[in-house]
């Protein structure tokens, strides 16, 4: 993780911690923004050390570090939400997405996806550029592929896991990228088959609008036919 990640954390901390202190006290609350920020500073320090070390972190340590960082970012993002600090929350969630990328690139496993779902959705909603959307779809595909062994059968993660798949497919479709679109739809069919027919039905209506290529429309039609023919 680079200096930009540290600066992002400090920007968020400068908003969340004063707002928390002004809004409090919160008796009995153990997971507070100051403690979360301190823990995240330590995580980012370890990440930086790992980036400069000759030997890679053992997988168990990498997974533990990644899970701790993402859990802290998720909790800090929730504090920002409660304190109505939208800009800080966005900064925290974007940092979580960068952390997830760091974990994936080093061979670790992601066990927390909710802040990643929020970051991907917000960034996608803010852009109409195909290249940007395609890159976001690529990131979402990487998260799904990485987290599937951990989260696919976890009831506690069911809703963010479902939202991640659906958003990934939508973003890939909006990007007009048939290759990534097909990959996202394959994962949707593999992990969430009960959602496929409804998704494809809505996808047909969406891709009938202007702005979608014939290749994207045909891919959506063929997937819809595949799932309706199963009845």
Protein backbone atom coordinates (compact mmCIF):
# COMPACT_ATOMS: atom_id res chain seq x y z
CA UNK A 1 0.00 0.00 0.00
CA UNK A 2 1.43 3.38 -0.96
CA UNK A 3 1.41 6.86 0.51
CA UNK A 4 -1.90 7.64 -1.19
CA UNK A 5 -3.56 5.00 0.98
CA UNK A 6 -2.13 6.57 4.12
CA UNK A 7 -3.27 10.02 3.02
CA UNK A 8 -6.76 8.67 2.32
CA UNK A 9 -6.96 7.19 5.80
CA UNK A 10 -5.79 10.41 7.43
CA UNK A 11 -8.32 12.48 5.45
CA UNK A 12 -11.12 10.23 6.65
CA UNK A 13 -9.80 10.26 10.22
CA UNK A 14 -9.76 14.06 10.26
CA UNK A 15 -13.51 14.03 9.59
CA UNK A 16 -14.71 10.98 11.48
CA UNK A 17 -12.83 11.29 14.78
CA UNK A 18 -13.84 14.91 15.57
CA UNK A 19 -17.44 14.19 14.57
CA UNK A 20 -17.45 11.10 16.78
CA UNK A 21 -16.04 13.03 19.75
CA UNK A 22 -18.56 15.82 19.28
CA UNK A 23 -21.52 13.44 18.95
CA UNK A 24 -20.53 11.21 21.91
CA UNK A 25 -20.04 9.89 24.45
CA UNK A 26 -21.04 6.36 23.46
CA UNK A 27 -20.99 4.31 26.70
CA UNK A 28 -19.99 0.69 26.28
CA UNK A 29 -18.90 1.16 22.67
CA UNK A 30 -15.58 -0.63 22.28
CA UNK A 31 -15.06 -0.32 18.51
CA UNK A 32 -14.58 3.44 18.24
CA UNK A 33 -13.16 5.49 15.35
CA UNK A 34 -9.92 6.40 17.20
CA UNK A 35 -9.21 2.72 17.89
CA UNK A 36 -10.12 1.73 14.34
CA UNK A 37 -7.87 4.39 12.83
CA UNK A 38 -4.96 3.33 15.04
CA UNK A 39 -5.45 -0.30 14.01
CA UNK A 40 -5.57 0.70 10.34
CA UNK A 41 -2.39 2.75 10.65
CA UNK A 42 -0.69 -0.36 11.98
CA UNK A 43 -2.10 -2.47 9.13
CA UNK A 44 -0.88 -0.02 6.50
CA UNK A 45 2.55 0.05 8.15
CA UNK A 46 2.75 -3.75 7.90
CA UNK A 47 1.59 -3.57 4.29
CA UNK A 48 4.35 -1.11 3.47
CA UNK A 49 6.94 -3.29 5.16
CA UNK A 50 5.66 -6.28 3.19
CA UNK A 51 5.99 -4.32 -0.06
CA UNK A 52 9.67 -3.67 0.60
CA UNK A 53 10.59 -7.03 2.12
CA UNK A 54 12.45 -9.61 0.04
CA UNK A 55 10.25 -12.49 1.23
CA UNK A 56 6.48 -12.53 0.84
CA UNK A 57 4.23 -12.71 3.88
CA UNK A 58 3.06 -16.24 4.69
CA UNK A 59 -0.48 -16.77 3.42
CA UNK A 60 -1.90 -17.18 6.92
CA UNK A 61 -0.43 -13.84 8.02
CA UNK A 62 -1.56 -12.16 4.80
CA UNK A 63 -5.12 -13.41 5.27
CA UNK A 64 -5.17 -12.32 8.90
CA UNK A 65 -3.83 -8.88 8.00
CA UNK A 66 -6.30 -8.46 5.14
CA UNK A 67 -9.29 -9.55 7.19
CA UNK A 68 -8.37 -7.23 10.05
CA UNK A 69 -7.91 -4.27 7.70
CA UNK A 70 -11.16 -4.85 5.83
CA UNK A 71 -13.14 -5.39 9.03
CA UNK A 72 -11.75 -2.16 10.49
CA UNK A 73 -12.53 -0.27 7.27
CA UNK A 74 -16.05 -1.71 7.25
CA UNK A 75 -16.59 -0.59 10.86
CA UNK A 76 -15.08 2.83 10.23
CA UNK A 77 -17.25 3.25 7.14
CA UNK A 78 -20.31 2.43 9.23
CA UNK A 79 -19.32 5.11 11.74
CA UNK A 80 -19.02 7.60 8.87
CA UNK A 81 -22.49 6.56 7.71
CA UNK A 82 -23.95 7.01 11.20
CA UNK A 83 -22.29 10.41 11.53
CA UNK A 84 -23.59 11.42 8.06
CA UNK A 85 -20.10 11.94 6.63
CA UNK A 86 -20.66 10.87 3.05
CA UNK A 87 -17.30 12.06 1.71
CA UNK A 88 -15.38 10.30 4.47
CA UNK A 89 -17.40 7.13 3.98
CA UNK A 90 -16.60 7.15 0.25
CA UNK A 91 -12.91 7.63 1.01
CA UNK A 92 -12.94 4.70 3.46
CA UNK A 93 -14.75 2.38 1.06
CA UNK A 94 -12.42 3.27 -1.81
CA UNK A 95 -9.49 2.47 0.47
CA UNK A 96 -11.11 -0.91 1.23
CA UNK A 97 -11.28 -1.62 -2.50
CA UNK A 98 -7.59 -0.78 -2.86
CA UNK A 99 -6.81 -3.02 0.11
CA UNK A 100 -8.71 -5.88 -1.50
CA UNK A 101 -6.67 -5.43 -4.68
CA UNK A 102 -3.46 -5.52 -2.61
CA UNK A 103 -4.57 -8.77 -0.94
CA UNK A 104 -5.52 -10.42 -4.23
CA UNK A 105 -2.26 -9.46 -5.93
CA UNK A 106 -0.30 -11.15 -3.14
CA UNK A 107 -2.28 -14.37 -3.12
CA UNK A 108 -4.42 -13.76 -0.04
CA UNK A 109 -8.14 -14.39 0.50
CA UNK A 110 -10.85 -11.79 1.00
CA UNK A 111 -13.33 -12.51 3.79
CA UNK A 112 -15.17 -9.14 3.96
CA UNK A 113 -16.94 -7.73 0.90
CA UNK A 114 -19.53 -5.17 2.03
CA UNK A 115 -17.32 -2.04 1.78
CA UNK A 116 -16.06 -3.29 -1.59
CA UNK A 117 -19.62 -3.64 -2.88
CA UNK A 118 -20.37 -0.08 -1.83
CA UNK A 119 -17.22 1.31 -3.44
CA UNK A 120 -17.75 -0.50 -6.73
CA UNK A 121 -21.39 0.57 -6.96
CA UNK A 122 -20.64 4.20 -6.19
CA UNK A 123 -17.73 4.42 -8.62
CA UNK A 124 -19.78 2.76 -11.35
CA UNK A 125 -22.71 5.11 -10.80
CA UNK A 126 -20.36 8.08 -11.14
CA UNK A 127 -19.11 7.13 -14.62
CA UNK A 128 -20.38 6.47 -18.13
CA UNK A 129 -16.94 5.84 -19.60
CA UNK A 130 -16.65 2.29 -21.00
CA UNK A 131 -12.98 2.00 -20.07
CA UNK A 132 -13.67 2.99 -16.46
CA UNK A 133 -16.65 0.62 -16.20
CA UNK A 134 -14.67 -2.21 -17.76
CA UNK A 135 -11.90 -1.73 -15.21
CA UNK A 136 -14.42 -1.76 -12.38
CA UNK A 137 -15.96 -4.95 -13.76
CA UNK A 138 -12.48 -6.48 -13.84
CA UNK A 139 -11.98 -5.59 -10.18
CA UNK A 140 -15.37 -7.01 -9.22
CA UNK A 141 -14.62 -10.24 -11.09
CA UNK A 142 -11.31 -10.54 -9.24
CA UNK A 143 -13.02 -10.06 -5.87
CA UNK A 144 -15.70 -12.66 -6.65
CA UNK A 145 -13.18 -15.19 -7.89
CA UNK A 146 -10.98 -14.64 -4.86
CA UNK A 147 -13.69 -14.64 -2.20
CA UNK A 148 -15.84 -17.47 -3.56
CA UNK A 149 -14.14 -20.27 -1.55
CA UNK A 150 -14.72 -18.29 1.66
CA UNK A 151 -18.08 -16.58 1.16
CA UNK A 152 -20.15 -18.57 -1.33
CA UNK A 153 -21.84 -20.63 1.40
CA UNK A 154 -21.73 -18.10 4.26
CA UNK A 155 -25.31 -17.13 5.25
CA UNK A 156 -24.08 -13.98 7.02
CA UNK A 157 -22.60 -12.72 3.73
CA UNK A 158 -25.52 -13.67 1.51
CA UNK A 159 -26.85 -10.19 0.72
CA UNK A 160 -23.55 -8.40 -0.03
CA UNK A 161 -22.40 -11.49 -1.93
CA UNK A 162 -25.55 -11.38 -4.07
CA UNK A 163 -25.26 -7.62 -4.62
CA UNK A 164 -21.63 -7.99 -5.69
CA UNK A 165 -22.56 -10.50 -8.40
CA UNK A 166 -25.50 -8.49 -9.70
CA UNK A 167 -23.55 -5.23 -9.74
CA UNK A 168 -20.61 -6.89 -11.46
CA UNK A 169 -22.89 -8.15 -14.25
CA UNK A 170 -24.58 -4.75 -14.59
CA UNK A 171 -21.28 -2.87 -14.74
CA UNK A 172 -19.83 -5.27 -17.32
CA UNK A 173 -22.98 -4.86 -19.42
CA UNK A 174 -22.85 -1.07 -19.16
CA UNK A 175 -19.20 -1.19 -20.20
CA UNK A 176 -20.22 -2.89 -23.44
CA UNK A 177 -17.50 -5.46 -22.86
CA UNK A 178 -18.81 -8.86 -24.02
CA UNK A 179 -15.82 -10.77 -22.65
CA UNK A 180 -16.13 -9.43 -19.12
CA UNK A 181 -19.90 -9.50 -19.38
CA UNK A 182 -19.80 -13.23 -20.19
CA UNK A 183 -17.43 -13.85 -17.28
CA UNK A 184 -19.73 -11.96 -14.88
CA UNK A 185 -22.80 -13.83 -16.11
CA UNK A 186 -21.01 -17.17 -15.77
CA UNK A 187 -20.33 -16.38 -12.10
CA UNK A 188 -23.91 -15.25 -11.57
CA UNK A 189 -25.14 -18.55 -12.99
CA UNK A 190 -22.66 -20.58 -10.97
CA UNK A 191 -23.24 -18.94 -7.60
CA UNK A 192 -26.78 -17.49 -7.79
CA UNK A 193 -28.83 -19.55 -10.26
CA UNK A 194 -32.13 -18.58 -8.64
CA UNK A 195 -31.51 -14.93 -9.60
CA UNK A 196 -30.65 -15.54 -13.25
CA UNK A 197 -34.03 -15.52 -15.00
CA UNK A 198 -35.16 -12.28 -13.35
CA UNK A 199 -31.78 -10.67 -14.01
CA UNK A 200 -31.83 -11.60 -17.69
CA UNK A 201 -35.43 -10.47 -18.10
CA UNK A 202 -34.52 -7.04 -16.76
CA UNK A 203 -31.30 -7.12 -18.79
CA UNK A 204 -33.28 -7.55 -21.99
CA UNK A 205 -35.30 -4.43 -21.23
CA UNK A 206 -32.18 -2.44 -20.36
CA UNK A 207 -30.10 -3.45 -23.39
CA UNK A 208 -33.00 -2.70 -25.75
CA UNK A 209 -32.27 0.97 -25.08
CA UNK A 210 -29.90 3.07 -27.15
CA UNK A 211 -26.22 2.85 -26.31
CA UNK A 212 -25.77 -0.93 -26.29
CA UNK A 213 -24.04 -2.86 -29.07
CA UNK A 214 -25.60 -5.73 -31.02
CA UNK A 215 -23.05 -8.07 -29.41
CA UNK A 216 -24.20 -7.11 -25.91
CA UNK A 217 -27.88 -7.45 -26.86
CA UNK A 218 -27.31 -10.87 -28.42
CA UNK A 219 -25.40 -12.11 -25.41
CA UNK A 220 -28.24 -11.04 -23.11
CA UNK A 221 -30.84 -12.64 -25.40
CA UNK A 222 -28.96 -15.93 -25.53
CA UNK A 223 -28.58 -16.07 -21.74
CA UNK A 224 -32.27 -15.30 -21.23
CA UNK A 225 -33.24 -18.04 -23.69
CA UNK A 226 -30.94 -20.49 -21.92
CA UNK A 227 -32.64 -19.95 -18.57
CA UNK A 228 -36.24 -19.73 -19.79
CA UNK A 229 -35.78 -22.93 -21.81
CA UNK A 230 -35.01 -24.74 -18.54
CA UNK A 231 -38.63 -24.57 -17.40
